[in-house]
Each structure stands twice: as structure tokens, then as C-alpha cells.
Amino acid sequence: MVAAGDADHRIWVTEFGWPSIDGMGHMDTTGWEYAREVSEAQQADYIVRAFSLGKERSWVGPMILWNLNLATIWGADDPVSAYSLLRPDGSYRPAYVALRLAEPLIP
């Protein structure tokens, strides 16, 4: 967009995130096998870095991370819970803590 002269418009980044089954107990990852390849520490790092990269780019608008708490609702039986910032028991995953400790992500 910038190269094409369309920098006045902003891209909204919706429903982004990284799944990790690390620390989630048994989880069927059929169709979501890549969730086995991301540790909780990597999930935290990737999310904070994504917000930082978005903040550095004027053409990035709102960024909506998916999801906070679906693991507490659906439990480890649903692979979507691997994206959650909370574990099924409600405890914080490293990504939750990293976002709380990150520098302000909104300019």
C-alpha cells in the first residue's frame, strides 16, 4: 500500500494470534498440528512483537488479538483454546503476563 501511494488508509489486523498447546494438557490438534510447534514463551514473544511492529507502522490500524479466555469456556477439548491467553483453569499464560508488562502498545 505504501509503495502504491495508498499510505493514507490503515489496515485493521483482526483475529490474529499464535496457538500453543504448551501447558494446556491433552489437546486434540487435528487440523491445528502447528500448535505443537509453538511454546508458550514463543507465543508470548510473537504476540508482543506483533503489537510492537504494528505500532511502528503508520499504516497499521487497530490490532485485535484472538483470544483471551476461550480455554476457560471450552477447555482443552477444543483446539481453538490453544490461542487463549488463559489456561483452562483460568491461570495466566506467559503471553498474558508479557502483554501486561509490555510498554504501552497504543500510541
PDB file of N, CA and C in Angstrom:
ATOM      1  N   MET A   1       0.828  -1.195   0.000  1.00  0.00           N
ATOM      2  CA  MET A   1       0.000   0.000   0.000  1.00  0.00           C
ATOM      3  C   MET A   1       0.872   1.258   0.000  1.00  0.00           C
ATOM      4  N   VAL A   2       1.922   1.242   0.816  1.00  0.00           N
ATOM      5  CA  VAL A   2       2.810   2.407   0.872  1.00  0.00           C
ATOM      6  C   VAL A   2       3.465   2.605  -0.479  1.00  0.00           C
ATOM      7  N   ALA A   3       3.971   1.541  -1.087  1.00  0.00           N
ATOM      8  CA  ALA A   3       4.641   1.628  -2.382  1.00  0.00           C
ATOM      9  C   ALA A   3       3.685   2.098  -3.470  1.00  0.00           C
ATOM     10  N   ALA A   4       2.398   1.810  -3.323  1.00  0.00           N
ATOM     11  CA  ALA A   4       1.398   2.195  -4.319  1.00  0.00           C
ATOM     12  C   ALA A   4       0.799   3.568  -4.030  1.00  0.00           C
ATOM     13  N   GLY A   5       1.333   4.262  -3.009  1.00  0.00           N
ATOM     14  CA  GLY A   5       0.832   5.597  -2.693  1.00  0.00           C
ATOM     15  C   GLY A   5      -0.476   5.602  -1.917  1.00  0.00           C
ATOM     16  N   ASP A   6      -0.794   4.511  -1.266  1.00  0.00           N
ATOM     17  CA  ASP A   6      -2.060   4.415  -0.539  1.00  0.00           C
ATOM     18  C   ASP A   6      -1.826   4.368   0.970  1.00  0.00           C
ATOM     19  N   ALA A   7      -0.861   5.154   1.445  1.00  0.00           N
ATOM     20  CA  ALA A   7      -0.497   5.136   2.862  1.00  0.00           C
ATOM     21  C   ALA A   7      -1.510   5.850   3.748  1.00  0.00           C
ATOM     22  N   ASP A   8      -2.475   6.544   3.147  1.00  0.00           N
ATOM     23  CA  ASP A   8      -3.476   7.243   3.955  1.00  0.00           C
ATOM     24  C   ASP A   8      -4.490   6.286   4.575  1.00  0.00           C
ATOM     25  N   HIS A   9      -4.605   5.096   4.023  1.00  0.00           N
ATOM     26  CA  HIS A   9      -5.525   4.105   4.573  1.00  0.00           C
ATOM     27  C   HIS A   9      -4.768   3.197   5.532  1.00  0.00           C
ATOM     28  N   ARG A  10      -5.474   2.704   6.527  1.00  0.00           N
ATOM     29  CA  ARG A  10      -4.850   1.833   7.509  1.00  0.00           C
ATOM     30  C   ARG A  10      -5.457   0.439   7.443  1.00  0.00           C
ATOM     31  N   ILE A  11      -4.621  -0.540   7.631  1.00  0.00           N
ATOM     32  CA  ILE A  11      -5.068  -1.930   7.668  1.00  0.00           C
ATOM     33  C   ILE A  11      -5.442  -2.278   9.109  1.00  0.00           C
ATOM     34  N   TRP A  12      -6.602  -2.876   9.279  1.00  0.00           N
ATOM     35  CA  TRP A  12      -7.019  -3.379  10.585  1.00  0.00           C
ATOM     36  C   TRP A  12      -6.614  -4.842  10.661  1.00  0.00           C
ATOM     37  N   VAL A  13      -5.867  -5.194  11.670  1.00  0.00           N
ATOM     38  CA  VAL A  13      -5.417  -6.566  11.868  1.00  0.00           C
ATOM     39  C   VAL A  13      -6.385  -7.217  12.855  1.00  0.00           C
ATOM     40  N   THR A  14      -7.206  -8.115  12.352  1.00  0.00           N
ATOM     41  CA  THR A  14      -8.228  -8.716  13.212  1.00  0.00           C
ATOM     42  C   THR A  14      -7.977 -10.206  13.411  1.00  0.00           C
ATOM     43  N   GLU A  15      -8.333 -10.667  14.567  1.00  0.00           N
ATOM     44  CA  GLU A  15      -8.242 -12.080  14.927  1.00  0.00           C
ATOM     45  C   GLU A  15      -6.883 -12.685  14.604  1.00  0.00           C
ATOM     46  N   PHE A  16      -5.830 -12.061  15.102  1.00  0.00           N
ATOM     47  CA  PHE A  16      -4.507 -12.648  14.917  1.00  0.00           C
ATOM     48  C   PHE A  16      -4.045 -13.268  16.237  1.00  0.00           C
ATOM     49  N   GLY A  17      -3.089 -14.147  16.144  1.00  0.00           N
ATOM     50  CA  GLY A  17      -2.523 -14.769  17.325  1.00  0.00           C
ATOM     51  C   GLY A  17      -1.744 -16.001  16.943  1.00  0.00           C
ATOM     52  N   TRP A  18      -1.192 -16.678  17.947  1.00  0.00           N
ATOM     53  CA  TRP A  18      -0.425 -17.893  17.742  1.00  0.00           C
ATOM     54  C   TRP A  18      -0.909 -18.942  18.725  1.00  0.00           C
ATOM     55  N   PRO A  19      -1.214 -20.139  18.231  1.00  0.00           N
ATOM     56  CA  PRO A  19      -1.640 -21.187  19.137  1.00  0.00           C
ATOM     57  C   PRO A  19      -0.441 -21.901  19.759  1.00  0.00           C
ATOM     58  N   SER A  20      -0.611 -22.336  20.976  1.00  0.00           N
ATOM     59  CA  SER A  20       0.384 -23.172  21.637  1.00  0.00           C
ATOM     60  C   SER A  20      -0.354 -24.132  22.564  1.00  0.00           C
ATOM     61  N   ILE A  21      -0.041 -25.413  22.437  1.00  0.00           N
ATOM     62  CA  ILE A  21      -0.653 -26.384  23.345  1.00  0.00           C
ATOM     63  C   ILE A  21       0.196 -26.563  24.597  1.00  0.00           C
ATOM     64  N   ASP A  22       1.338 -25.924  24.628  1.00  0.00           N
ATOM     65  CA  ASP A  22       2.233 -25.976  25.780  1.00  0.00           C
ATOM     66  C   ASP A  22       1.465 -25.545  27.031  1.00  0.00           C
ATOM     67  N   GLY A  23       1.483 -26.367  28.060  1.00  0.00           N
ATOM     68  CA  GLY A  23       0.825 -26.016  29.314  1.00  0.00           C
ATOM     69  C   GLY A  23      -0.684 -26.154  29.304  1.00  0.00           C
ATOM     70  N   MET A  24      -1.228 -26.740  28.244  1.00  0.00           N
ATOM     71  CA  MET A  24      -2.685 -26.815  28.128  1.00  0.00           C
ATOM     72  C   MET A  24      -3.246 -28.206  28.436  1.00  0.00           C
ATOM     73  N   GLY A  25      -2.389 -29.160  28.776  1.00  0.00           N
ATOM     74  CA  GLY A  25      -2.871 -30.521  28.992  1.00  0.00           C
ATOM     75  C   GLY A  25      -3.109 -31.207  27.660  1.00  0.00           C
ATOM     76  N   HIS A  26      -3.812 -32.328  27.690  1.00  0.00           N
ATOM     77  CA  HIS A  26      -4.089 -33.054  26.450  1.00  0.00           C
ATOM     78  C   HIS A  26      -5.027 -32.235  25.565  1.00  0.00           C
ATOM     79  N   MET A  27      -4.670 -32.104  24.307  1.00  0.00           N
ATOM     80  CA  MET A  27      -5.490 -31.345  23.368  1.00  0.00           C
ATOM     81  C   MET A  27      -5.403 -31.993  21.999  1.00  0.00           C
ATOM     82  N   ASP A  28      -6.538 -32.256  21.402  1.00  0.00           N
ATOM     83  CA  ASP A  28      -6.580 -32.803  20.047  1.00  0.00           C
ATOM     84  C   ASP A  28      -6.274 -31.671  19.075  1.00  0.00           C
ATOM     85  N   THR A  29      -5.163 -31.772  18.376  1.00  0.00           N
ATOM     86  CA  THR A  29      -4.764 -30.712  17.459  1.00  0.00           C
ATOM     87  C   THR A  29      -4.968 -31.106  16.002  1.00  0.00           C
ATOM     88  N   THR A  30      -5.870 -32.020  15.748  1.00  0.00           N
ATOM     89  CA  THR A  30      -6.146 -32.415  14.366  1.00  0.00           C
ATOM     90  C   THR A  30      -6.570 -31.171  13.583  1.00  0.00           C
ATOM     91  N   GLY A  31      -5.823 -30.867  12.544  1.00  0.00           N
ATOM     92  CA  GLY A  31      -6.074 -29.657  11.764  1.00  0.00           C
ATOM     93  C   GLY A  31      -5.340 -28.438  12.298  1.00  0.00           C
ATOM     94  N   TRP A  32      -4.799 -28.547  13.483  1.00  0.00           N
ATOM     95  CA  TRP A  32      -4.074 -27.451  14.139  1.00  0.00           C
ATOM     96  C   TRP A  32      -2.700 -27.947  14.597  1.00  0.00           C
ATOM     97  N   GLU A  33      -2.119 -28.890  13.876  1.00  0.00           N
ATOM     98  CA  GLU A  33      -0.874 -29.521  14.303  1.00  0.00           C
ATOM     99  C   GLU A  33       0.244 -28.520  14.595  1.00  0.00           C
ATOM    100  N   TYR A  34       0.243 -27.405  13.909  1.00  0.00           N
ATOM    101  CA  TYR A  34       1.290 -26.403  14.109  1.00  0.00           C
ATOM    102  C   TYR A  34       1.274 -25.833  15.527  1.00  0.00           C
ATOM    103  N   ALA A  35       0.186 -26.010  16.261  1.00  0.00           N
ATOM    104  CA  ALA A  35       0.126 -25.531  17.647  1.00  0.00           C
ATOM    105  C   ALA A  35       1.119 -26.280  18.531  1.00  0.00           C
ATOM    106  N   ARG A  36       1.563 -27.447  18.097  1.00  0.00           N
ATOM    107  CA  ARG A  36       2.560 -28.219  18.847  1.00  0.00           C
ATOM    108  C   ARG A  36       3.952 -27.626  18.707  1.00  0.00           C
ATOM    109  N   GLU A  37       4.150 -26.788  17.710  1.00  0.00           N
ATOM    110  CA  GLU A  37       5.482 -26.262  17.396  1.00  0.00           C
ATOM    111  C   GLU A  37       5.784 -24.919  18.051  1.00  0.00           C
ATOM    112  N   VAL A  38       4.818 -24.357  18.766  1.00  0.00           N
ATOM    113  CA  VAL A  38       4.988 -23.047  19.389  1.00  0.00           C
ATOM    114  C   VAL A  38       4.905 -23.217  20.907  1.00  0.00           C
ATOM    115  N   SER A  39       5.978 -22.843  21.593  1.00  0.00           N
ATOM    116  CA  SER A  39       5.954 -22.917  23.059  1.00  0.00           C
ATOM    117  C   SER A  39       5.168 -21.729  23.604  1.00  0.00           C
ATOM    118  N   GLU A  40       4.810 -21.795  24.878  1.00  0.00           N
ATOM    119  CA  GLU A  40       4.136 -20.649  25.495  1.00  0.00           C
ATOM    120  C   GLU A  40       5.034 -19.412  25.477  1.00  0.00           C
ATOM    121  N   ALA A  41       6.328 -19.606  25.673  1.00  0.00           N
ATOM    122  CA  ALA A  41       7.266 -18.467  25.646  1.00  0.00           C
ATOM    123  C   ALA A  41       7.316 -17.848  24.250  1.00  0.00           C
ATOM    124  N   GLN A  42       7.329 -18.688  23.220  1.00  0.00           N
ATOM    125  CA  GLN A  42       7.321 -18.155  21.849  1.00  0.00           C
ATOM    126  C   GLN A  42       6.001 -17.436  21.569  1.00  0.00           C
ATOM    127  N   GLN A  43       4.893 -18.002  21.994  1.00  0.00           N
ATOM    128  CA  GLN A  43       3.595 -17.361  21.804  1.00  0.00           C
ATOM    129  C   GLN A  43       3.622 -15.945  22.388  1.00  0.00           C
ATOM    130  N   ALA A  44       4.141 -15.821  23.604  1.00  0.00           N
ATOM    131  CA  ALA A  44       4.228 -14.513  24.258  1.00  0.00           C
ATOM    132  C   ALA A  44       5.091 -13.554  23.460  1.00  0.00           C
ATOM    133  N   ASP A  45       6.261 -14.022  23.037  1.00  0.00           N
ATOM    134  CA  ASP A  45       7.181 -13.189  22.272  1.00  0.00           C
ATOM    135  C   ASP A  45       6.562 -12.746  20.948  1.00  0.00           C
ATOM    136  N   TYR A  46       5.949 -13.672  20.234  1.00  0.00           N
ATOM    137  CA  TYR A  46       5.362 -13.352  18.928  1.00  0.00           C
ATOM    138  C   TYR A  46       4.257 -12.302  19.055  1.00  0.00           C
ATOM    139  N   ILE A  47       3.418 -12.447  20.062  1.00  0.00           N
ATOM    140  CA  ILE A  47       2.300 -11.513  20.230  1.00  0.00           C
ATOM    141  C   ILE A  47       2.805 -10.109  20.564  1.00  0.00           C
ATOM    142  N   VAL A  48       3.714 -10.012  21.506  1.00  0.00           N
ATOM    143  CA  VAL A  48       4.243  -8.695  21.880  1.00  0.00           C
ATOM    144  C   VAL A  48       4.985  -8.071  20.708  1.00  0.00           C
ATOM    145  N   ARG A  49       5.769  -8.870  19.995  1.00  0.00           N
ATOM    146  CA  ARG A  49       6.481  -8.347  18.814  1.00  0.00           C
ATOM    147  C   ARG A  49       5.514  -7.877  17.736  1.00  0.00           C
ATOM    148  N   ALA A  50       4.436  -8.598  17.534  1.00  0.00           N
ATOM    149  CA  ALA A  50       3.445  -8.197  16.521  1.00  0.00           C
ATOM    150  C   ALA A  50       2.855  -6.832  16.860  1.00  0.00           C
ATOM    151  N   PHE A  51       2.484  -6.642  18.123  1.00  0.00           N
ATOM    152  CA  PHE A  51       1.947  -5.340  18.520  1.00  0.00           C
ATOM    153  C   PHE A  51       2.997  -4.243  18.360  1.00  0.00           C
ATOM    154  N   SER A  52       4.234  -4.537  18.698  1.00  0.00           N
ATOM    155  CA  SER A  52       5.306  -3.544  18.545  1.00  0.00           C
ATOM    156  C   SER A  52       5.518  -3.182  17.083  1.00  0.00           C
ATOM    157  N   LEU A  53       5.519  -4.185  16.212  1.00  0.00           N
ATOM    158  CA  LEU A  53       5.671  -3.919  14.781  1.00  0.00           C
ATOM    159  C   LEU A  53       4.512  -3.084  14.252  1.00  0.00           C
ATOM    160  N   GLY A  54       3.320  -3.389  14.711  1.00  0.00           N
ATOM    161  CA  GLY A  54       2.153  -2.611  14.290  1.00  0.00           C
ATOM    162  C   GLY A  54       2.249  -1.159  14.734  1.00  0.00           C
ATOM    163  N   LYS A  55       2.724  -0.965  15.947  1.00  0.00           N
ATOM    164  CA  LYS A  55       2.863   0.393  16.485  1.00  0.00           C
ATOM    165  C   LYS A  55       3.873   1.218  15.689  1.00  0.00           C
ATOM    166  N   GLU A  56       4.894   0.546  15.152  1.00  0.00           N
ATOM    167  CA  GLU A  56       5.947   1.231  14.395  1.00  0.00           C
ATOM    168  C   GLU A  56       5.520   1.608  12.980  1.00  0.00           C
ATOM    169  N   ARG A  57       4.415   1.085  12.526  1.00  0.00           N
ATOM    170  CA  ARG A  57       3.997   1.309  11.138  1.00  0.00           C
ATOM    171  C   ARG A  57       2.719   2.146  11.105  1.00  0.00           C
ATOM    172  N   SER A  58       2.807   3.297  10.481  1.00  0.00           N
ATOM    173  CA  SER A  58       1.673   4.226  10.456  1.00  0.00           C
ATOM    174  C   SER A  58       0.471   3.669   9.706  1.00  0.00           C
ATOM    175  N   TRP A  59       0.696   2.704   8.847  1.00  0.00           N
ATOM    176  CA  TRP A  59      -0.390   2.157   8.040  1.00  0.00           C
ATOM    177  C   TRP A  59      -1.115   0.998   8.719  1.00  0.00           C
ATOM    178  N   VAL A  60      -0.685   0.653   9.940  1.00  0.00           N
ATOM    179  CA  VAL A  60      -1.386  -0.382  10.695  1.00  0.00           C
ATOM    180  C   VAL A  60      -2.348   0.295  11.654  1.00  0.00           C
ATOM    181  N   GLY A  61      -3.614  -0.072  11.538  1.00  0.00           N
ATOM    182  CA  GLY A  61      -4.650   0.461  12.419  1.00  0.00           C
ATOM    183  C   GLY A  61      -4.827  -0.429  13.634  1.00  0.00           C
ATOM    184  N   PRO A  62      -6.044  -0.547  14.126  1.00  0.00           N
ATOM    185  CA  PRO A  62      -6.302  -1.380  15.299  1.00  0.00           C
ATOM    186  C   PRO A  62      -5.859  -2.829  15.083  1.00  0.00           C
ATOM    187  N   MET A  63      -5.342  -3.398  16.149  1.00  0.00           N
ATOM    188  CA  MET A  63      -4.921  -4.804  16.128  1.00  0.00           C
ATOM    189  C   MET A  63      -5.730  -5.536  17.191  1.00  0.00           C
ATOM    190  N   ILE A  64      -6.400  -6.590  16.779  1.00  0.00           N
ATOM    191  CA  ILE A  64      -7.298  -7.318  17.669  1.00  0.00           C
ATOM    192  C   ILE A  64      -6.762  -8.728  17.864  1.00  0.00           C
ATOM    193  N   LEU A  65      -6.264  -8.987  19.051  1.00  0.00           N
ATOM    194  CA  LEU A  65      -5.706 -10.296  19.378  1.00  0.00           C
ATOM    195  C   LEU A  65      -6.825 -11.273  19.687  1.00  0.00           C
ATOM    196  N   TRP A  66      -6.668 -12.489  19.170  1.00  0.00           N
ATOM    197  CA  TRP A  66      -7.657 -13.525  19.393  1.00  0.00           C
ATOM    198  C   TRP A  66      -6.975 -14.678  20.097  1.00  0.00           C
ATOM    199  N   ASN A  67      -7.279 -15.054  21.229  1.00  0.00           N
ATOM    200  CA  ASN A  67      -8.382 -14.798  22.121  1.00  0.00           C
ATOM    201  C   ASN A  67      -7.908 -14.766  23.570  1.00  0.00           C
ATOM    202  N   LEU A  68      -8.651 -14.141  24.414  1.00  0.00           N
ATOM    203  CA  LEU A  68      -8.298 -14.017  25.823  1.00  0.00           C
ATOM    204  C   LEU A  68      -8.620 -15.269  26.615  1.00  0.00           C
ATOM    205  N   ASN A  69      -9.854 -15.741  26.536  1.00  0.00           N
ATOM    206  CA  ASN A  69     -10.298 -16.708  27.528  1.00  0.00           C
ATOM    207  C   ASN A  69     -11.101 -17.903  27.012  1.00  0.00           C
ATOM    208  N   LEU A  70     -11.028 -18.228  25.750  1.00  0.00           N
ATOM    209  CA  LEU A  70     -11.836 -19.347  25.272  1.00  0.00           C
ATOM    210  C   LEU A  70     -11.436 -20.673  25.922  1.00  0.00           C
ATOM    211  N   ALA A  71     -10.202 -20.796  26.387  1.00  0.00           N
ATOM    212  CA  ALA A  71      -9.801 -22.030  27.070  1.00  0.00           C
ATOM    213  C   ALA A  71     -10.593 -22.217  28.359  1.00  0.00           C
ATOM    214  N   THR A  72     -10.951 -21.132  29.029  1.00  0.00           N
ATOM    215  CA  THR A  72     -11.731 -21.256  30.261  1.00  0.00           C
ATOM    216  C   THR A  72     -13.178 -21.629  29.971  1.00  0.00           C
ATOM    217  N   ILE A  73     -13.628 -21.359  28.761  1.00  0.00           N
ATOM    218  CA  ILE A  73     -15.016 -21.661  28.370  1.00  0.00           C
ATOM    219  C   ILE A  73     -15.111 -23.039  27.735  1.00  0.00           C
ATOM    220  N   TRP A  74     -14.234 -23.319  26.774  1.00  0.00           N
ATOM    221  CA  TRP A  74     -14.310 -24.554  26.002  1.00  0.00           C
ATOM    222  C   TRP A  74     -13.372 -25.643  26.504  1.00  0.00           C
ATOM    223  N   GLY A  75     -12.365 -25.271  27.297  1.00  0.00           N
ATOM    224  CA  GLY A  75     -11.430 -26.249  27.827  1.00  0.00           C
ATOM    225  C   GLY A  75     -10.473 -26.779  26.770  1.00  0.00           C
ATOM    226  N   ALA A  76      -9.682 -27.744  27.192  1.00  0.00           N
ATOM    227  CA  ALA A  76      -8.649 -28.298  26.326  1.00  0.00           C
ATOM    228  C   ALA A  76      -9.216 -29.212  25.246  1.00  0.00           C
ATOM    229  N   ASP A  77     -10.516 -29.481  25.281  1.00  0.00           N
ATOM    230  CA  ASP A  77     -11.116 -30.332  24.250  1.00  0.00           C
ATOM    231  C   ASP A  77     -11.227 -29.627  22.903  1.00  0.00           C
ATOM    232  N   ASP A  78     -11.148 -28.322  22.903  1.00  0.00           N
ATOM    233  CA  ASP A  78     -11.276 -27.559  21.663  1.00  0.00           C
ATOM    234  C   ASP A  78      -9.925 -26.944  21.310  1.00  0.00           C
ATOM    235  N   PRO A  79      -9.369 -27.268  20.150  1.00  0.00           N
ATOM    236  CA  PRO A  79      -8.048 -26.746  19.793  1.00  0.00           C
ATOM    237  C   PRO A  79      -7.997 -25.225  19.673  1.00  0.00           C
ATOM    238  N   VAL A  80      -9.110 -24.563  19.532  1.00  0.00           N
ATOM    239  CA  VAL A  80      -9.138 -23.101  19.494  1.00  0.00           C
ATOM    240  C   VAL A  80      -8.599 -22.538  20.810  1.00  0.00           C
ATOM    241  N   SER A  81      -8.739 -23.317  21.871  1.00  0.00           N
ATOM    242  CA  SER A  81      -8.244 -22.880  23.176  1.00  0.00           C
ATOM    243  C   SER A  81      -6.738 -22.677  23.191  1.00  0.00           C
ATOM    244  N   ALA A  82      -6.016 -23.253  22.242  1.00  0.00           N
ATOM    245  CA  ALA A  82      -4.564 -23.092  22.183  1.00  0.00           C
ATOM    246  C   ALA A  82      -4.172 -21.641  21.926  1.00  0.00           C
ATOM    247  N   TYR A  83      -5.077 -20.844  21.402  1.00  0.00           N
ATOM    248  CA  TYR A  83      -4.820 -19.422  21.166  1.00  0.00           C
ATOM    249  C   TYR A  83      -5.025 -18.579  22.427  1.00  0.00           C
ATOM    250  N   SER A  84      -5.688 -19.120  23.404  1.00  0.00           N
ATOM    251  CA  SER A  84      -6.093 -18.382  24.594  1.00  0.00           C
ATOM    252  C   SER A  84      -4.903 -17.857  25.397  1.00  0.00           C
ATOM    253  N   LEU A  85      -5.101 -16.710  26.037  1.00  0.00           N
ATOM    254  CA  LEU A  85      -4.096 -16.152  26.937  1.00  0.00           C
ATOM    255  C   LEU A  85      -4.245 -16.703  28.347  1.00  0.00           C
ATOM    256  N   LEU A  86      -5.322 -17.451  28.563  1.00  0.00           N
ATOM    257  CA  LEU A  86      -5.561 -18.108  29.844  1.00  0.00           C
ATOM    258  C   LEU A  86      -5.611 -19.610  29.625  1.00  0.00           C
ATOM    259  N   ARG A  87      -5.215 -20.358  30.640  1.00  0.00           N
ATOM    260  CA  ARG A  87      -5.334 -21.815  30.589  1.00  0.00           C
ATOM    261  C   ARG A  87      -6.761 -22.209  30.954  1.00  0.00           C
ATOM    262  N   PRO A  88      -7.136 -23.467  30.702  1.00  0.00           N
ATOM    263  CA  PRO A  88      -8.485 -23.906  31.055  1.00  0.00           C
ATOM    264  C   PRO A  88      -8.850 -23.666  32.521  1.00  0.00           C
ATOM    265  N   ASP A  89      -7.851 -23.704  33.423  1.00  0.00           N
ATOM    266  CA  ASP A  89      -8.132 -23.473  34.839  1.00  0.00           C
ATOM    267  C   ASP A  89      -8.177 -21.987  35.195  1.00  0.00           C
ATOM    268  N   GLY A  90      -7.992 -21.099  34.203  1.00  0.00           N
ATOM    269  CA  GLY A  90      -8.050 -19.653  34.419  1.00  0.00           C
ATOM    270  C   GLY A  90      -6.712 -19.018  34.749  1.00  0.00           C
ATOM    271  N   SER A  91      -5.668 -19.820  34.909  1.00  0.00           N
ATOM    272  CA  SER A  91      -4.358 -19.241  35.215  1.00  0.00           C
ATOM    273  C   SER A  91      -3.788 -18.549  33.981  1.00  0.00           C
ATOM    274  N   TYR A  92      -2.915 -17.587  34.248  1.00  0.00           N
ATOM    275  CA  TYR A  92      -2.323 -16.799  33.171  1.00  0.00           C
ATOM    276  C   TYR A  92      -1.259 -17.594  32.429  1.00  0.00           C
ATOM    277  N   ARG A  93      -1.290 -17.468  31.111  1.00  0.00           N
ATOM    278  CA  ARG A  93      -0.205 -17.992  30.293  1.00  0.00           C
ATOM    279  C   ARG A  93       0.843 -16.883  30.147  1.00  0.00           C
ATOM    280  N   PRO A  94       2.078 -17.210  29.775  1.00  0.00           N
ATOM    281  CA  PRO A  94       3.112 -16.193  29.626  1.00  0.00           C
ATOM    282  C   PRO A  94       2.715 -15.035  28.699  1.00  0.00           C
ATOM    283  N   ALA A  95       1.930 -15.300  27.672  1.00  0.00           N
ATOM    284  CA  ALA A  95       1.512 -14.225  26.759  1.00  0.00           C
ATOM    285  C   ALA A  95       0.671 -13.178  27.489  1.00  0.00           C
ATOM    286  N   TYR A  96      -0.172 -13.615  28.398  1.00  0.00           N
ATOM    287  CA  TYR A  96      -0.985 -12.673  29.175  1.00  0.00           C
ATOM    288  C   TYR A  96      -0.071 -11.764  29.989  1.00  0.00           C
ATOM    289  N   VAL A  97       0.868 -12.380  30.683  1.00  0.00           N
ATOM    290  CA  VAL A  97       1.791 -11.616  31.527  1.00  0.00           C
ATOM    291  C   VAL A  97       2.653 -10.691  30.676  1.00  0.00           C
ATOM    292  N   ALA A  98       3.163 -11.183  29.555  1.00  0.00           N
ATOM    293  CA  ALA A  98       4.013 -10.366  28.678  1.00  0.00           C
ATOM    294  C   ALA A  98       3.272  -9.140  28.163  1.00  0.00           C
ATOM    295  N   LEU A  99       2.015  -9.314  27.816  1.00  0.00           N
ATOM    296  CA  LEU A  99       1.239  -8.152  27.336  1.00  0.00           C
ATOM    297  C   LEU A  99       1.011  -7.151  28.463  1.00  0.00           C
ATOM    298  N   ARG A 100       0.770  -7.645  29.664  1.00  0.00           N
ATOM    299  CA  ARG A 100       0.579  -6.742  30.802  1.00  0.00           C
ATOM    300  C   ARG A 100       1.851  -5.936  31.098  1.00  0.00           C
ATOM    301  N   LEU A 101       3.002  -6.563  30.887  1.00  0.00           N
ATOM    302  CA  LEU A 101       4.282  -5.919  31.203  1.00  0.00           C
ATOM    303  C   LEU A 101       4.875  -5.130  30.041  1.00  0.00           C
ATOM    304  N   ALA A 102       4.337  -5.322  28.849  1.00  0.00           N
ATOM    305  CA  ALA A 102       4.874  -4.640  27.669  1.00  0.00           C
ATOM    306  C   ALA A 102       4.665  -3.137  27.773  1.00  0.00           C
ATOM    307  N   GLU A 103       5.533  -2.396  27.092  1.00  0.00           N
ATOM    308  CA  GLU A 103       5.332  -0.948  27.044  1.00  0.00           C
ATOM    309  C   GLU A 103       3.976  -0.681  26.418  1.00  0.00           C
ATOM    310  N   PRO A 104       3.399   0.461  26.685  1.00  0.00           N
ATOM    311  CA  PRO A 104       2.071   0.736  26.096  1.00  0.00           C
ATOM    312  C   PRO A 104       2.066   0.485  24.592  1.00  0.00           C
ATOM    313  N   LEU A 105       1.101  -0.260  24.152  1.00  0.00           N
ATOM    314  CA  LEU A 105       1.038  -0.662  22.742  1.00  0.00           C
ATOM    315  C   LEU A 105       0.174   0.275  21.910  1.00  0.00           C
ATOM    316  N   ILE A 106      -0.506   1.175  22.573  1.00  0.00           N
ATOM    317  CA  ILE A 106      -1.349   2.133  21.856  1.00  0.00           C
ATOM    318  C   ILE A 106      -0.666   3.489  21.932  1.00  0.00           C
ATOM    319  N   PRO A 107      -0.364   4.076  20.773  1.00  0.00           N
ATOM    320  CA  PRO A 107       0.360   5.377  20.789  1.00  0.00           C
ATOM    321  C   PRO A 107      -0.468   6.482  21.417  1.00  0.00           C
TER     322      PRO A 107
END
